[in-house]
Amino acid sequence: MPVTLEDVDHIAMLARLGLTEDERAALRGELEAILGYVEQLSEVDTSSVEATASTVDTPAPVREDRVRNEDRAEQMVAGAPDRDGTYLRVPKILE
């Protein structure tokens, strides 16, 4: 599957990456290789394979759902540079 430099730029913007021209070109090639391997998976005949949710028949262990630690919220945010009570304030990143 061909990957354009515009695709690379879009992915870099979403990941907040600053890429040089060499990095853009390298990433384009790497993404094309990855997508090529994924396309190969679609060629595998899985029609005779039964669908499974897990490959292990061992049931998940069940335990009582209870709080096992003390409330230390104030202690955990004590060193935060900007907070409101026990909530952390962070810069807005959405446009």
C-alpha atoms as a PDB file:
ATOM      1  CA  MET A   1       0.000   0.000   0.000  1.00  0.00           C
ATOM      2  CA  PRO A   2       1.569   3.301  -1.027  1.00  0.00           C
ATOM      3  CA  VAL A   3       2.123   5.870   1.726  1.00  0.00           C
ATOM      4  CA  THR A   4       2.452   9.498   0.708  1.00  0.00           C
ATOM      5  CA  LEU A   5       4.500  12.162   2.430  1.00  0.00           C
ATOM      6  CA  GLU A   6       1.186  13.829   3.250  1.00  0.00           C
ATOM      7  CA  ASP A   7       0.202  10.655   5.133  1.00  0.00           C
ATOM      8  CA  VAL A   8       3.492  10.794   7.028  1.00  0.00           C
ATOM      9  CA  ASP A   9       2.946  14.480   7.832  1.00  0.00           C
ATOM     10  CA  HIS A  10      -0.565  13.756   9.102  1.00  0.00           C
ATOM     11  CA  ILE A  11       0.646  10.907  11.327  1.00  0.00           C
ATOM     12  CA  ALA A  12       3.522  13.060  12.602  1.00  0.00           C
ATOM     13  CA  MET A  13       1.081  15.869  13.433  1.00  0.00           C
ATOM     14  CA  LEU A  14      -1.200  13.469  15.325  1.00  0.00           C
ATOM     15  CA  ALA A  15       1.792  12.123  17.270  1.00  0.00           C
ATOM     16  CA  ARG A  16       3.178  15.642  17.765  1.00  0.00           C
ATOM     17  CA  LEU A  17       6.460  14.696  16.084  1.00  0.00           C
ATOM     18  CA  GLY A  18       8.783  17.138  14.402  1.00  0.00           C
ATOM     19  CA  LEU A  19      10.442  15.281  11.530  1.00  0.00           C
ATOM     20  CA  THR A  20      13.306  16.264   9.274  1.00  0.00           C
ATOM     21  CA  GLU A  21      13.097  15.571   5.549  1.00  0.00           C
ATOM     22  CA  ASP A  22      15.318  12.494   5.964  1.00  0.00           C
ATOM     23  CA  GLU A  23      13.130  11.192   8.814  1.00  0.00           C
ATOM     24  CA  ARG A  24       9.974  11.771   6.750  1.00  0.00           C
ATOM     25  CA  ALA A  25      11.387   9.735   3.870  1.00  0.00           C
ATOM     26  CA  ALA A  26      12.606   6.960   6.175  1.00  0.00           C
ATOM     27  CA  LEU A  27       9.279   6.790   7.995  1.00  0.00           C
ATOM     28  CA  ARG A  28       7.433   6.619   4.688  1.00  0.00           C
ATOM     29  CA  GLY A  29       9.446   3.545   3.686  1.00  0.00           C
ATOM     30  CA  GLU A  30       8.993   1.917   7.094  1.00  0.00           C
ATOM     31  CA  LEU A  31       5.223   2.475   7.044  1.00  0.00           C
ATOM     32  CA  GLU A  32       4.960   1.006   3.540  1.00  0.00           C
ATOM     33  CA  ALA A  33       6.902  -2.081   4.698  1.00  0.00           C
ATOM     34  CA  ILE A  34       4.670  -2.521   7.758  1.00  0.00           C
ATOM     35  CA  LEU A  35       1.494  -2.164   5.717  1.00  0.00           C
ATOM     36  CA  GLY A  36       2.897  -4.633   3.181  1.00  0.00           C
ATOM     37  CA  TYR A  37       3.300  -7.239   5.915  1.00  0.00           C
ATOM     38  CA  VAL A  38      -0.251  -6.577   7.107  1.00  0.00           C
ATOM     39  CA  GLU A  39      -1.535  -7.048   3.551  1.00  0.00           C
ATOM     40  CA  GLN A  40       0.190 -10.443   3.455  1.00  0.00           C
ATOM     41  CA  LEU A  41      -1.958 -11.521   6.401  1.00  0.00           C
ATOM     42  CA  SER A  42      -5.108 -11.032   4.320  1.00  0.00           C
ATOM     43  CA  GLU A  43      -3.814 -13.672   1.889  1.00  0.00           C
ATOM     44  CA  VAL A  44      -3.778 -16.396   4.566  1.00  0.00           C
ATOM     45  CA  ASP A  45      -6.705 -18.829   4.283  1.00  0.00           C
ATOM     46  CA  THR A  46      -8.403 -18.869   7.681  1.00  0.00           C
ATOM     47  CA  SER A  47     -11.733 -20.308   6.545  1.00  0.00           C
ATOM     48  CA  SER A  48     -11.129 -23.584   8.395  1.00  0.00           C
ATOM     49  CA  VAL A  49      -9.965 -21.925  11.634  1.00  0.00           C
ATOM     50  CA  GLU A  50     -12.562 -21.683  14.367  1.00  0.00           C
ATOM     51  CA  ALA A  51     -12.936 -18.232  15.898  1.00  0.00           C
ATOM     52  CA  THR A  52     -11.603 -17.974  19.434  1.00  0.00           C
ATOM     53  CA  ALA A  53     -11.614 -15.326  22.122  1.00  0.00           C
ATOM     54  CA  SER A  54      -8.586 -16.826  23.830  1.00  0.00           C
ATOM     55  CA  THR A  55      -5.991 -19.458  23.053  1.00  0.00           C
ATOM     56  CA  VAL A  56      -5.845 -20.590  26.682  1.00  0.00           C
ATOM     57  CA  ASP A  57      -8.669 -22.561  28.331  1.00  0.00           C
ATOM     58  CA  THR A  58      -7.665 -21.478  31.827  1.00  0.00           C
ATOM     59  CA  PRO A  59     -10.354 -19.343  33.462  1.00  0.00           C
ATOM     60  CA  ALA A  60      -9.390 -15.972  34.853  1.00  0.00           C
ATOM     61  CA  PRO A  61      -8.854 -15.987  38.606  1.00  0.00           C
ATOM     62  CA  VAL A  62     -11.697 -14.417  40.561  1.00  0.00           C
ATOM     63  CA  ARG A  63     -11.085 -12.376  43.673  1.00  0.00           C
ATOM     64  CA  GLU A  64     -13.119 -10.105  45.879  1.00  0.00           C
ATOM     65  CA  ASP A  65     -13.256  -6.571  44.491  1.00  0.00           C
ATOM     66  CA  ARG A  66     -12.176  -4.383  47.377  1.00  0.00           C
ATOM     67  CA  VAL A  67      -9.947  -1.372  47.986  1.00  0.00           C
ATOM     68  CA  ARG A  68      -6.608  -2.508  49.355  1.00  0.00           C
ATOM     69  CA  ASN A  69      -4.737   0.760  49.686  1.00  0.00           C
ATOM     70  CA  GLU A  70      -5.311   3.917  51.634  1.00  0.00           C
ATOM     71  CA  ASP A  71      -6.365   7.236  50.147  1.00  0.00           C
ATOM     72  CA  ARG A  72      -3.099   8.993  49.312  1.00  0.00           C
ATOM     73  CA  ALA A  73      -4.295  11.395  46.603  1.00  0.00           C
ATOM     74  CA  GLU A  74      -3.003  14.492  48.399  1.00  0.00           C
ATOM     75  CA  GLN A  75       0.388  12.867  48.952  1.00  0.00           C
ATOM     76  CA  MET A  76       0.630  11.773  45.285  1.00  0.00           C
ATOM     77  CA  VAL A  77       0.006  15.263  43.872  1.00  0.00           C
ATOM     78  CA  ALA A  78       1.998  17.152  46.507  1.00  0.00           C
ATOM     79  CA  GLY A  79       4.896  17.835  44.115  1.00  0.00           C
ATOM     80  CA  ALA A  80       2.790  18.772  41.089  1.00  0.00           C
ATOM     81  CA  PRO A  81       3.630  22.202  39.640  1.00  0.00           C
ATOM     82  CA  ASP A  82      -0.015  23.188  39.016  1.00  0.00           C
ATOM     83  CA  ARG A  83      -2.984  21.576  40.705  1.00  0.00           C
ATOM     84  CA  ASP A  84      -6.461  22.180  42.040  1.00  0.00           C
ATOM     85  CA  GLY A  85      -6.910  20.115  45.174  1.00  0.00           C
ATOM     86  CA  THR A  86      -6.053  16.579  44.105  1.00  0.00           C
ATOM     87  CA  TYR A  87      -6.551  17.314  40.385  1.00  0.00           C
ATOM     88  CA  LEU A  88      -3.585  18.068  38.136  1.00  0.00           C
ATOM     89  CA  ARG A  89      -3.752  20.988  35.728  1.00  0.00           C
ATOM     90  CA  VAL A  90      -2.098  20.414  32.382  1.00  0.00           C
ATOM     91  CA  PRO A  91      -1.757  22.587  29.266  1.00  0.00           C
ATOM     92  CA  LYS A  92      -4.469  22.284  26.642  1.00  0.00           C
ATOM     93  CA  ILE A  93      -3.253  20.222  23.679  1.00  0.00           C
ATOM     94  CA  LEU A  94      -6.404  20.028  21.541  1.00  0.00           C
ATOM     95  CA  GLU A  95      -6.916  22.550  18.808  1.00  0.00           C
END
